[in-house]
Amino acid sequence: MVKFPEADVRLFRNKFVCRRCKSVLRSPPRKVTEGQVKCRLCAGKKFKPKRKK
């Protein structure tokens, strides 16, 4: 877990990972759930939130 809340925001807020090619994208969660965002590399539209270890 991250020690500082500022670091938590920088590393995890609004970051999503493409399920097909595993590239990281920053976007508002509303746009991701509505399918308005696509991956830069593979043009996929399925994303998951970045995992907190």
C-alpha atoms as a PDB file:
ATOM      1  CA  MET A   1       0.000   0.000   0.000  1.00  0.00           C
ATOM      2  CA  VAL A   2       1.063   3.563  -0.615  1.00  0.00           C
ATOM      3  CA  LYS A   3       2.155   5.694   2.346  1.00  0.00           C
ATOM      4  CA  PHE A   4       0.922   9.056   1.077  1.00  0.00           C
ATOM      5  CA  PRO A   5      -2.561   9.850  -0.260  1.00  0.00           C
ATOM      6  CA  GLU A   6      -1.012  12.056  -2.960  1.00  0.00           C
ATOM      7  CA  ALA A   7       0.950   9.080  -4.282  1.00  0.00           C
ATOM      8  CA  ASP A   8      -2.187   6.923  -4.240  1.00  0.00           C
ATOM      9  CA  VAL A   9      -3.991   9.506  -6.384  1.00  0.00           C
ATOM     10  CA  ARG A  10      -1.091   9.780  -8.817  1.00  0.00           C
ATOM     11  CA  LEU A  11      -0.633   6.035  -9.246  1.00  0.00           C
ATOM     12  CA  PHE A  12      -4.197   4.706  -9.279  1.00  0.00           C
ATOM     13  CA  ARG A  13      -6.879   7.364  -9.836  1.00  0.00           C
ATOM     14  CA  ASN A  14      -8.486   7.232 -13.304  1.00  0.00           C
ATOM     15  CA  LYS A  15      -5.979   4.637 -14.571  1.00  0.00           C
ATOM     16  CA  PHE A  16      -7.224   1.627 -16.500  1.00  0.00           C
ATOM     17  CA  VAL A  17      -5.488  -1.343 -18.119  1.00  0.00           C
ATOM     18  CA  CYS A  18      -6.502  -2.750 -21.498  1.00  0.00           C
ATOM     19  CA  ARG A  19      -7.586  -6.379 -21.179  1.00  0.00           C
ATOM     20  CA  ARG A  20      -6.196  -7.284 -24.601  1.00  0.00           C
ATOM     21  CA  CYS A  21      -2.730  -5.689 -24.761  1.00  0.00           C
ATOM     22  CA  LYS A  22      -2.170  -4.616 -21.101  1.00  0.00           C
ATOM     23  CA  SER A  23      -1.405  -0.970 -21.909  1.00  0.00           C
ATOM     24  CA  VAL A  24      -2.255   1.669 -19.280  1.00  0.00           C
ATOM     25  CA  LEU A  25      -4.628   4.523 -20.073  1.00  0.00           C
ATOM     26  CA  ARG A  26      -5.825   7.455 -17.960  1.00  0.00           C
ATOM     27  CA  SER A  27      -9.464   8.383 -18.429  1.00  0.00           C
ATOM     28  CA  PRO A  28     -12.567   9.234 -16.380  1.00  0.00           C
ATOM     29  CA  PRO A  29     -14.362   6.078 -15.163  1.00  0.00           C
ATOM     30  CA  ARG A  30     -17.695   7.198 -16.644  1.00  0.00           C
ATOM     31  CA  LYS A  31     -16.277   7.257 -20.175  1.00  0.00           C
ATOM     32  CA  VAL A  32     -14.717   3.816 -19.730  1.00  0.00           C
ATOM     33  CA  THR A  33     -17.982   2.222 -18.568  1.00  0.00           C
ATOM     34  CA  GLU A  34     -19.924   3.829 -21.422  1.00  0.00           C
ATOM     35  CA  GLY A  35     -17.424   2.518 -23.990  1.00  0.00           C
ATOM     36  CA  GLN A  36     -16.352   5.924 -25.295  1.00  0.00           C
ATOM     37  CA  VAL A  37     -12.646   5.202 -24.724  1.00  0.00           C
ATOM     38  CA  LYS A  38     -10.543   2.888 -26.856  1.00  0.00           C
ATOM     39  CA  CYS A  39      -6.986   1.639 -26.498  1.00  0.00           C
ATOM     40  CA  ARG A  40      -4.273   3.523 -28.358  1.00  0.00           C
ATOM     41  CA  LEU A  41      -2.450   0.367 -29.420  1.00  0.00           C
ATOM     42  CA  CYS A  42      -5.062  -2.277 -30.189  1.00  0.00           C
ATOM     43  CA  ALA A  43      -8.308  -0.213 -30.396  1.00  0.00           C
ATOM     44  CA  GLY A  44      -9.934  -2.464 -27.773  1.00  0.00           C
ATOM     45  CA  LYS A  45     -12.743  -1.144 -25.575  1.00  0.00           C
ATOM     46  CA  LYS A  46     -12.493  -3.489 -22.586  1.00  0.00           C
ATOM     47  CA  PHE A  47     -10.628  -2.113 -19.593  1.00  0.00           C
ATOM     48  CA  LYS A  48     -10.087  -2.977 -15.939  1.00  0.00           C
ATOM     49  CA  PRO A  49      -8.931  -0.688 -13.116  1.00  0.00           C
ATOM     50  CA  LYS A  50      -5.228  -0.706 -12.301  1.00  0.00           C
ATOM     51  CA  ARG A  51      -4.527  -3.231  -9.562  1.00  0.00           C
ATOM     52  CA  LYS A  52      -3.364  -2.090  -6.126  1.00  0.00           C
ATOM     53  CA  LYS A  53      -0.828  -4.553  -4.780  1.00  0.00           C
END
